[in-house]
């Protein structure tokens, strides 16, 4: 294989990694917006889980960026669309399960691109992240089903639940201070 061919294949992988990163950046913003909305409406348990899913998406975005850098590319900082704000709680989980389902489909296509370009490391990264996106889909689809089946009764049950995720804030400054 020629060097140009190898370079072209590497560029194709960088493109799908950056597309995935932009999808993750949108998901982070979408889910954090929903987290705040659910918390404001006193659906603490749902808000807490939404925040944890957003944190997973943050990790995914960082993993894609790190791989892009390893391949000599520049990670994108642009989200793949606009956040849908002000959603009715009953519609949030239908929206999110569709978002995750579309993400899984796209990532499977991106995985195929990585395989076809001979990049098993990026392929494995997509495999691992697809598994986590499937967990997100299953959770969102489950909640969507509860809301469809039980409606207000389900939402009443989770209203007033705590929103704390129990996470320790381990940012850069805290780590530097030895905390």
Protein backbone atom coordinates (compact mmCIF):
# COMPACT_ATOMS: atom_id res chain seq x y z
CA UNK A 1 0.00 0.00 0.00
CA UNK A 2 1.23 3.44 -0.84
CA UNK A 3 1.93 6.13 1.73
CA UNK A 4 -0.76 8.34 0.15
CA UNK A 5 -3.27 5.53 0.51
CA UNK A 6 -2.32 5.11 4.16
CA UNK A 7 -2.62 8.85 4.67
CA UNK A 8 -6.05 8.90 3.02
CA UNK A 9 -7.23 6.01 5.18
CA UNK A 10 -5.98 7.75 8.32
CA UNK A 11 -7.84 10.91 7.29
CA UNK A 12 -11.06 8.92 6.82
CA UNK A 13 -10.70 7.56 10.37
CA UNK A 14 -10.03 11.04 11.75
CA UNK A 15 -13.18 12.27 9.99
CA UNK A 16 -15.42 9.62 11.56
CA UNK A 17 -13.80 10.11 14.98
CA UNK A 18 -14.45 13.84 14.74
CA UNK A 19 -18.02 13.27 13.57
CA UNK A 20 -18.54 11.00 16.59
CA UNK A 21 -16.95 13.63 18.86
CA UNK A 22 -19.32 16.29 17.53
CA UNK A 23 -22.25 13.95 18.22
CA UNK A 24 -21.00 13.45 21.78
CA UNK A 25 -20.62 17.21 22.28
CA UNK A 26 -24.25 17.69 21.31
CA UNK A 27 -25.35 14.82 23.58
CA UNK A 28 -23.47 16.35 26.53
CA UNK A 29 -25.21 19.69 26.10
CA UNK A 30 -28.59 18.06 25.44
CA UNK A 31 -28.44 15.80 28.46
CA UNK A 32 -27.14 18.51 30.79
CA UNK A 33 -29.95 20.81 29.65
CA UNK A 34 -32.42 18.03 30.40
CA UNK A 35 -30.70 17.36 33.74
CA UNK A 36 -31.27 20.97 34.79
CA UNK A 37 -34.85 20.92 33.52
CA UNK A 38 -35.68 17.66 35.34
CA UNK A 39 -34.02 18.93 38.51
CA UNK A 40 -35.97 22.21 38.34
CA UNK A 41 -39.19 20.21 38.00
CA UNK A 42 -38.24 18.15 41.07
CA UNK A 43 -37.68 14.86 39.23
CA UNK A 44 -34.47 14.31 41.15
CA UNK A 45 -33.89 10.63 40.40
CA UNK A 46 -34.34 11.21 36.67
CA UNK A 47 -32.16 14.34 36.81
CA UNK A 48 -29.36 12.47 38.60
CA UNK A 49 -29.31 9.65 36.03
CA UNK A 50 -29.39 12.17 33.17
CA UNK A 51 -26.30 13.88 34.64
CA UNK A 52 -24.48 10.56 34.88
CA UNK A 53 -25.28 9.77 31.25
CA UNK A 54 -23.95 13.22 30.27
CA UNK A 55 -20.74 12.45 32.16
CA UNK A 56 -20.40 9.21 30.17
CA UNK A 57 -20.78 11.25 27.00
CA UNK A 58 -18.07 13.64 28.24
CA UNK A 59 -15.73 10.69 28.64
CA UNK A 60 -16.61 9.46 25.14
CA UNK A 61 -15.92 12.90 23.65
CA UNK A 62 -12.54 12.94 25.35
CA UNK A 63 -11.70 9.41 24.16
CA UNK A 64 -12.50 10.36 20.57
CA UNK A 65 -10.40 13.54 20.90
CA UNK A 66 -7.45 11.61 22.29
CA UNK A 67 -7.59 9.15 19.40
CA UNK A 68 -7.81 11.99 16.85
CA UNK A 69 -4.70 13.52 18.41
CA UNK A 70 -2.90 10.14 18.31
CA UNK A 71 -3.60 10.02 14.59
CA UNK A 72 -2.23 13.53 14.07
CA UNK A 73 -5.56 15.29 13.67
CA UNK A 74 -7.22 18.18 15.43
CA UNK A 75 -10.28 17.30 17.54
CA UNK A 76 -13.41 19.21 16.64
CA UNK A 77 -15.02 21.49 19.22
CA UNK A 78 -18.30 21.91 17.32
CA UNK A 79 -21.44 20.07 18.44
CA UNK A 80 -23.46 18.24 15.81
CA UNK A 81 -26.57 20.42 16.01
CA UNK A 82 -28.56 22.50 18.46
CA UNK A 83 -29.86 21.53 21.87
CA UNK A 84 -33.62 21.03 22.06
CA UNK A 85 -34.67 23.06 25.10
CA UNK A 86 -37.94 23.21 26.98
CA UNK A 87 -39.04 19.67 26.15
CA UNK A 88 -42.10 18.29 27.91
CA UNK A 89 -40.89 15.66 30.39
CA UNK A 90 -43.06 13.02 28.74
CA UNK A 91 -41.21 13.63 25.45
CA UNK A 92 -37.63 13.74 26.81
CA UNK A 93 -37.13 9.99 26.90
CA UNK A 94 -38.58 9.33 23.45
CA UNK A 95 -36.24 12.01 22.09
CA UNK A 96 -33.24 10.59 23.96
CA UNK A 97 -33.88 6.95 23.05
CA UNK A 98 -34.10 8.03 19.39
CA UNK A 99 -30.87 10.02 19.77
CA UNK A 100 -29.07 7.01 21.24
CA UNK A 101 -30.50 4.63 18.64
CA UNK A 102 -29.27 6.91 15.85
CA UNK A 103 -25.89 7.20 17.57
CA UNK A 104 -25.52 3.42 17.78
CA UNK A 105 -26.37 3.12 14.09
CA UNK A 106 -23.87 5.84 13.11
CA UNK A 107 -21.13 4.42 15.32
CA UNK A 108 -21.57 0.98 13.77
CA UNK A 109 -21.04 2.60 10.37
CA UNK A 110 -18.00 4.47 11.72
CA UNK A 111 -16.65 1.20 13.15
CA UNK A 112 -16.94 -0.32 9.68
CA UNK A 113 -15.00 2.62 8.22
CA UNK A 114 -12.25 2.08 10.80
CA UNK A 115 -12.10 -1.64 10.01
CA UNK A 116 -12.03 -0.98 6.25
CA UNK A 117 -9.19 1.52 6.80
CA UNK A 118 -7.21 -1.00 8.85
CA UNK A 119 -7.45 0.87 12.18
CA UNK A 120 -8.25 -1.78 14.79
CA UNK A 121 -7.60 0.60 17.71
CA UNK A 122 -10.27 3.07 16.58
CA UNK A 123 -12.53 0.14 15.73
CA UNK A 124 -12.17 -1.17 19.30
CA UNK A 125 -12.88 2.31 20.68
CA UNK A 126 -16.15 2.38 18.76
CA UNK A 127 -17.01 -1.15 19.95
CA UNK A 128 -16.52 -0.13 23.59
CA UNK A 129 -18.48 3.09 23.25
CA UNK A 130 -21.32 1.40 21.34
CA UNK A 131 -21.77 -0.92 24.35
CA UNK A 132 -22.19 2.10 26.63
CA UNK A 133 -24.50 3.86 24.18
CA UNK A 134 -26.62 0.69 24.17
CA UNK A 135 -26.90 0.95 27.97
CA UNK A 136 -28.05 4.56 27.58
CA UNK A 137 -30.59 3.54 24.94
CA UNK A 138 -31.92 0.74 27.14
CA UNK A 139 -32.30 3.10 30.11
CA UNK A 140 -34.02 5.85 28.09
CA UNK A 141 -36.27 3.33 26.33
CA UNK A 142 -37.21 1.77 29.68
CA UNK A 143 -38.16 5.15 31.18
CA UNK A 144 -40.04 6.01 27.99
CA UNK A 145 -42.00 2.77 28.41
CA UNK A 146 -42.81 3.56 32.04
CA UNK A 147 -44.07 7.00 31.06
CA UNK A 148 -46.13 5.57 28.18
CA UNK A 149 -47.63 2.81 30.35
CA UNK A 150 -48.08 4.66 33.62
CA UNK A 151 -48.04 8.35 32.63
CA UNK A 152 -48.56 10.75 35.51
CA UNK A 153 -48.52 7.92 38.06
CA UNK A 154 -44.91 7.11 37.19
CA UNK A 155 -43.84 10.75 37.15
CA UNK A 156 -45.59 11.29 40.51
CA UNK A 157 -43.62 8.40 41.97
CA UNK A 158 -40.24 9.94 41.03
CA UNK A 159 -41.22 13.53 41.88
CA UNK A 160 -39.43 14.79 44.96
CA UNK A 161 -36.64 12.21 44.81
CA UNK A 162 -33.07 13.36 45.51
CA UNK A 163 -31.00 14.60 42.57
CA UNK A 164 -27.57 14.14 44.11
CA UNK A 165 -25.35 11.87 42.09
CA UNK A 166 -22.93 11.52 44.97
CA UNK A 167 -20.07 12.50 42.72
CA UNK A 168 -16.96 14.08 44.15
CA UNK A 169 -15.89 17.11 42.20
CA UNK A 170 -12.37 16.12 41.17
CA UNK A 171 -11.44 18.95 38.89
CA UNK A 172 -7.92 20.07 38.09
CA UNK A 173 -7.68 22.61 40.90
CA UNK A 174 -8.80 20.15 43.58
CA UNK A 175 -6.32 17.53 42.39
CA UNK A 176 -3.51 20.08 42.36
CA UNK A 177 -4.33 21.03 45.94
CA UNK A 178 -4.12 17.39 46.99
CA UNK A 179 -7.87 17.01 47.56
